[in-house]
Amino acid sequence: MEQLPLFVLFVAIGIGAYLWSRFRRDQRRQALARFASRSGLRYSKHDPYGLVWYDFRLFGKGDDRGCENVLSGHWQNLPVKEADYWYSTKSTDAQGHPTGSGDSLSIVIADLPVSVPYVSVQEETLSTWLADRIGFHDIDFESEDFNRQFQVTAADREFAFKLIDPRMIEWLVSTGGQFAFEIRDRSLLVACEQLEPDRLAILLGAAKGFTDRIPRLVVAEYGTEQQAPSGGRPPGEPPARADGEKSPS
């Protein structure tokens, strides 16, 4: 009986933490819906597009992943889908107890008027620097400031130099490494730490800024405005994953 108050205290703390977490989620959803309404975007609590089935490296992290709080429509004439993205990894500690890790990010996927090979531009960190030293080399450009700040990997090095020209480099450096970019086929992914709803314009602006600086040479060579969608898929539907799996219906 003496342990009952302590048990009750733990239960109360657990219930309180759950209610607070639920309150915060509800507050975020309401704020995102208001931001969407002000910005002329549509809001969905769940992900109606299967965004994690787009073939980007970010969506391969962790053992489980998903998107929620999806905003869709046009941002300054750019077709976009913005979402809260999360992933988690399961593991065990030295004693065999289950543990886990993960992250929550804000992402935006933009539809592009080009169909291009894969390129990744992300902030240079200790882990990416070490990977470069053991053989996973990134691509170096003429700007030392850019090379120190970013790691670039690409399926086609020649295309990477076409895409990341001096104008693009100057703009990327100005972002301070806040965003990670992946571009593949007709889609651009921009990701950063999860933002408060009233700061999402920064993320959407980064997608617009990158798109506006795609060089004219790339648009002329890889443009798709006069082409039918590849594979006949309708606009807004994610492409098949590289492993051959399809987006769930």
Protein backbone atom coordinates (compact mmCIF):
# COMPACT_ATOMS: atom_id res chain seq x y z
CA MET A 1 0.00 0.00 0.00
CA GLU A 2 2.94 2.32 0.73
CA GLN A 3 3.97 2.04 -2.93
CA LEU A 4 0.55 3.08 -4.19
CA PRO A 5 1.17 6.87 -4.06
CA LEU A 6 4.39 6.45 -6.07
CA PHE A 7 2.58 4.30 -8.63
CA VAL A 8 -0.20 6.86 -8.87
CA LEU A 9 2.40 9.60 -9.35
CA PHE A 10 4.02 7.74 -12.26
CA VAL A 11 0.62 7.16 -13.86
CA ALA A 12 -0.28 10.82 -13.45
CA ILE A 13 3.03 11.91 -15.01
CA GLY A 14 2.49 9.55 -17.93
CA ILE A 15 -1.05 10.77 -18.53
CA GLY A 16 0.09 14.38 -18.25
CA ALA A 17 2.90 13.86 -20.75
CA TYR A 18 0.50 12.20 -23.20
CA LEU A 19 -2.08 14.98 -22.89
CA TRP A 20 0.59 17.66 -23.32
CA SER A 21 1.97 15.92 -26.41
CA ARG A 22 -1.51 15.61 -27.87
CA PHE A 23 -2.21 19.27 -27.12
CA ARG A 24 1.00 20.30 -28.89
CA ARG A 25 0.13 18.15 -31.94
CA ASP A 26 -3.35 19.66 -32.12
CA GLN A 27 -1.95 23.17 -31.80
CA ARG A 28 0.52 22.52 -34.61
CA ARG A 29 -2.18 21.11 -36.87
CA GLN A 30 -4.39 24.12 -36.31
CA ALA A 31 -1.52 26.53 -36.96
CA LEU A 32 -0.55 24.68 -40.14
CA ALA A 33 -4.15 24.76 -41.36
CA ARG A 34 -4.24 28.52 -40.78
CA PHE A 35 -0.93 28.98 -42.62
CA ALA A 36 -2.28 26.92 -45.53
CA SER A 37 -5.47 28.99 -45.68
CA ARG A 38 -3.53 32.26 -45.70
CA SER A 39 -1.16 30.96 -48.38
CA GLY A 40 -3.77 29.52 -50.73
CA LEU A 41 -2.66 25.94 -50.01
CA ARG A 42 -4.65 22.83 -49.11
CA TYR A 43 -4.11 21.16 -45.73
CA SER A 44 -4.38 17.44 -44.96
CA LYS A 45 -3.76 15.86 -41.56
CA HIS A 46 -2.54 12.69 -43.30
CA ASP A 47 -0.41 12.15 -46.42
CA PRO A 48 -2.67 11.57 -49.45
CA TYR A 49 0.29 11.50 -51.88
CA GLY A 50 2.58 8.79 -50.49
CA LEU A 51 5.45 11.27 -50.31
CA VAL A 52 7.92 8.82 -48.76
CA TRP A 53 7.69 6.79 -51.98
CA TYR A 54 9.53 9.46 -53.92
CA ASP A 55 12.98 8.09 -54.66
CA PHE A 56 15.10 10.33 -52.43
CA ARG A 57 17.86 9.18 -50.07
CA LEU A 58 16.27 10.95 -47.13
CA PHE A 59 13.30 8.62 -47.39
CA GLY A 60 15.57 5.59 -46.98
CA LYS A 61 16.66 6.54 -43.47
CA GLY A 62 15.49 4.57 -40.46
CA ASP A 63 13.36 1.46 -40.03
CA ASP A 64 10.07 3.35 -40.13
CA ARG A 65 9.06 6.68 -41.60
CA GLY A 66 6.09 8.76 -42.63
CA CYS A 67 4.65 12.17 -43.46
CA GLU A 68 1.78 14.09 -41.90
CA ASN A 69 0.37 17.61 -41.90
CA VAL A 70 0.68 17.91 -45.68
CA LEU A 71 0.22 21.24 -47.45
CA SER A 72 -0.18 21.23 -51.22
CA GLY A 73 -0.80 23.67 -54.04
CA HIS A 74 1.30 26.43 -55.61
CA TRP A 75 3.84 28.67 -53.91
CA GLN A 76 4.66 31.63 -56.14
CA ASN A 77 3.53 29.54 -59.14
CA LEU A 78 5.69 26.57 -58.12
CA PRO A 79 3.75 23.30 -57.56
CA VAL A 80 4.69 22.11 -54.07
CA LYS A 81 3.85 19.61 -51.36
CA GLU A 82 5.12 20.48 -47.87
CA ALA A 83 4.97 18.11 -44.89
CA ASP A 84 6.20 17.10 -41.46
CA TYR A 85 8.48 14.09 -42.10
CA TRP A 86 9.66 11.70 -39.39
CA TYR A 87 11.76 8.56 -39.29
CA SER A 88 12.84 6.21 -36.51
CA THR A 89 15.49 3.54 -36.07
CA LYS A 90 15.16 0.58 -33.73
CA SER A 91 18.16 -0.87 -31.89
CA THR A 92 19.19 -2.46 -28.60
CA ASP A 93 21.64 -1.39 -25.90
CA ALA A 94 24.48 -3.46 -24.44
CA GLN A 95 22.04 -5.16 -22.06
CA GLY A 96 19.70 -6.11 -24.88
CA HIS A 97 17.06 -3.53 -23.98
CA PRO A 98 15.21 -2.02 -26.96
CA THR A 99 16.15 1.57 -27.77
CA GLY A 100 15.43 3.88 -30.64
CA SER A 101 16.40 7.09 -32.35
CA GLY A 102 15.06 9.27 -35.11
CA ASP A 103 14.32 12.78 -36.25
CA SER A 104 11.51 15.06 -37.34
CA LEU A 105 12.00 17.41 -40.30
CA SER A 106 10.12 19.87 -42.43
CA ILE A 107 10.25 18.97 -46.12
CA VAL A 108 8.94 20.31 -49.40
CA ILE A 109 8.78 18.50 -52.73
CA ALA A 110 8.48 20.70 -55.80
CA ASP A 111 7.49 19.66 -59.32
CA LEU A 112 10.04 20.80 -61.89
CA PRO A 113 9.91 21.59 -65.62
CA VAL A 114 12.98 19.39 -66.14
CA SER A 115 13.82 15.68 -65.84
CA VAL A 116 17.36 15.32 -64.54
CA PRO A 117 19.86 12.84 -63.05
CA TYR A 118 20.20 12.58 -59.28
CA VAL A 119 22.13 15.25 -57.36
CA SER A 120 22.38 15.77 -53.59
CA VAL A 121 23.57 18.98 -51.94
CA GLN A 122 23.81 18.89 -48.16
CA GLU A 123 25.72 20.60 -45.40
CA GLU A 124 29.23 19.28 -44.86
CA THR A 125 29.34 17.62 -41.44
CA LEU A 126 31.84 15.48 -39.57
CA SER A 127 30.17 12.30 -40.84
CA THR A 128 30.18 13.45 -44.48
CA TRP A 129 33.79 14.64 -44.13
CA LEU A 130 34.84 11.24 -42.77
CA ALA A 131 32.95 9.45 -45.54
CA ASP A 132 34.87 11.52 -48.07
CA ARG A 133 38.14 10.49 -46.45
CA ILE A 134 37.40 6.75 -46.72
CA GLY A 135 36.49 6.79 -50.36
CA PHE A 136 32.97 8.18 -50.76
CA HIS A 137 34.19 11.28 -52.53
CA ASP A 138 32.02 14.31 -53.04
CA ILE A 139 32.42 16.71 -55.94
CA ASP A 140 34.61 19.79 -55.51
CA PHE A 141 33.82 23.10 -57.18
CA GLU A 142 35.89 26.21 -57.77
CA SER A 143 34.44 27.99 -54.72
CA GLU A 144 36.34 27.04 -51.54
CA ASP A 145 33.57 28.57 -49.40
CA PHE A 146 31.05 26.31 -51.10
CA ASN A 147 33.25 23.22 -50.78
CA ARG A 148 33.73 23.81 -47.05
CA GLN A 149 30.03 24.30 -46.48
CA PHE A 150 28.48 21.62 -48.69
CA GLN A 151 28.92 18.05 -49.81
CA VAL A 152 27.72 17.30 -53.35
CA THR A 153 27.16 13.79 -54.69
CA ALA A 154 25.70 12.96 -58.07
CA ALA A 155 24.86 10.13 -60.41
CA ASP A 156 26.42 12.17 -63.23
CA ARG A 157 29.33 14.46 -62.31
CA GLU A 158 29.12 16.33 -65.60
CA PHE A 159 25.48 17.17 -64.95
CA ALA A 160 26.29 18.31 -61.41
CA PHE A 161 28.64 20.94 -62.83
CA LYS A 162 25.92 22.07 -65.24
CA LEU A 163 23.36 22.40 -62.44
CA ILE A 164 25.57 24.00 -59.81
CA ASP A 165 26.95 26.94 -61.73
CA PRO A 166 28.45 30.10 -60.14
CA ARG A 167 25.02 31.70 -59.72
CA MET A 168 23.65 28.61 -57.95
CA ILE A 169 26.79 28.36 -55.80
CA GLU A 170 26.47 31.98 -54.66
CA TRP A 171 22.85 31.43 -53.65
CA LEU A 172 23.50 28.12 -51.87
CA VAL A 173 26.30 29.69 -49.82
CA SER A 174 23.88 32.48 -48.83
CA THR A 175 21.52 29.90 -47.28
CA GLY A 176 24.13 29.05 -44.65
CA GLY A 177 23.68 25.31 -45.01
CA GLN A 178 20.23 25.42 -43.38
CA PHE A 179 18.70 23.23 -46.07
CA ALA A 180 19.49 19.90 -47.74
CA PHE A 181 18.59 19.51 -51.39
CA GLU A 182 17.98 16.44 -53.54
CA ILE A 183 16.93 16.59 -57.16
CA ARG A 184 15.93 13.63 -59.31
CA ASP A 185 13.79 13.20 -62.43
CA ARG A 186 11.15 15.94 -62.25
CA SER A 187 11.20 16.55 -58.50
CA LEU A 188 13.16 18.64 -56.00
CA LEU A 189 13.30 17.80 -52.28
CA VAL A 190 14.28 20.43 -49.74
CA ALA A 191 14.59 19.47 -46.06
CA CYS A 192 15.53 21.17 -42.80
CA GLU A 193 14.94 20.83 -39.08
CA GLN A 194 11.24 20.95 -38.25
CA LEU A 195 10.00 24.52 -38.45
CA GLU A 196 7.21 26.26 -36.63
CA PRO A 197 4.24 26.90 -38.95
CA ASP A 198 4.86 30.65 -39.13
CA ARG A 199 8.38 29.98 -40.49
CA LEU A 200 7.42 27.63 -43.32
CA ALA A 201 7.69 30.44 -45.84
CA ILE A 202 11.48 30.15 -45.39
CA LEU A 203 11.44 26.50 -46.52
CA LEU A 204 9.05 27.11 -49.39
CA GLY A 205 11.16 30.08 -50.41
CA ALA A 206 14.25 27.84 -50.51
CA ALA A 207 12.49 25.50 -52.94
CA LYS A 208 11.51 28.47 -55.08
CA GLY A 209 15.01 29.96 -54.87
CA PHE A 210 16.68 26.73 -55.99
CA THR A 211 14.21 26.23 -58.83
CA ASP A 212 14.59 29.79 -60.10
CA ARG A 213 18.37 29.30 -60.29
CA ILE A 214 18.36 26.13 -62.35
CA PRO A 215 20.57 27.27 -65.25
CA ARG A 216 18.98 27.98 -68.62
CA LEU A 217 21.36 25.45 -70.16
CA VAL A 218 19.83 22.73 -67.96
CA VAL A 219 16.27 23.83 -68.75
CA ALA A 220 17.03 23.84 -72.48
CA GLU A 221 18.67 20.39 -72.40
CA TYR A 222 16.49 18.62 -69.84
CA GLY A 223 13.23 20.56 -70.08
CA THR A 224 9.97 18.59 -70.09
CA GLU A 225 7.34 21.24 -70.82
CA GLN A 226 6.78 19.84 -74.29
CA GLN A 227 7.02 16.22 -73.16
CA ALA A 228 4.34 13.89 -71.86
CA PRO A 229 4.85 12.75 -68.25
CA SER A 230 7.26 9.84 -68.15
CA GLY A 231 5.50 6.50 -67.83
CA GLY A 232 2.16 8.17 -68.30
CA ARG A 233 1.81 8.90 -64.58
CA PRO A 234 -0.51 11.80 -63.76
CA PRO A 235 0.88 15.03 -62.27
CA GLY A 236 1.43 14.84 -58.53
CA GLU A 237 1.87 11.05 -58.42
CA PRO A 238 5.29 9.96 -57.14
CA PRO A 239 7.49 7.92 -59.48
CA ALA A 240 8.18 4.25 -58.85
CA ARG A 241 10.97 3.58 -56.37
CA ALA A 242 14.32 2.62 -57.85
CA ASP A 243 13.97 -0.83 -56.30
CA GLY A 244 10.97 -1.50 -58.51
CA GLU A 245 8.32 -1.15 -55.81
CA LYS A 246 5.30 0.98 -56.54
CA SER A 247 3.57 3.59 -54.46
CA PRO A 248 0.71 2.07 -52.46
CA SER A 249 -2.70 2.71 -53.94
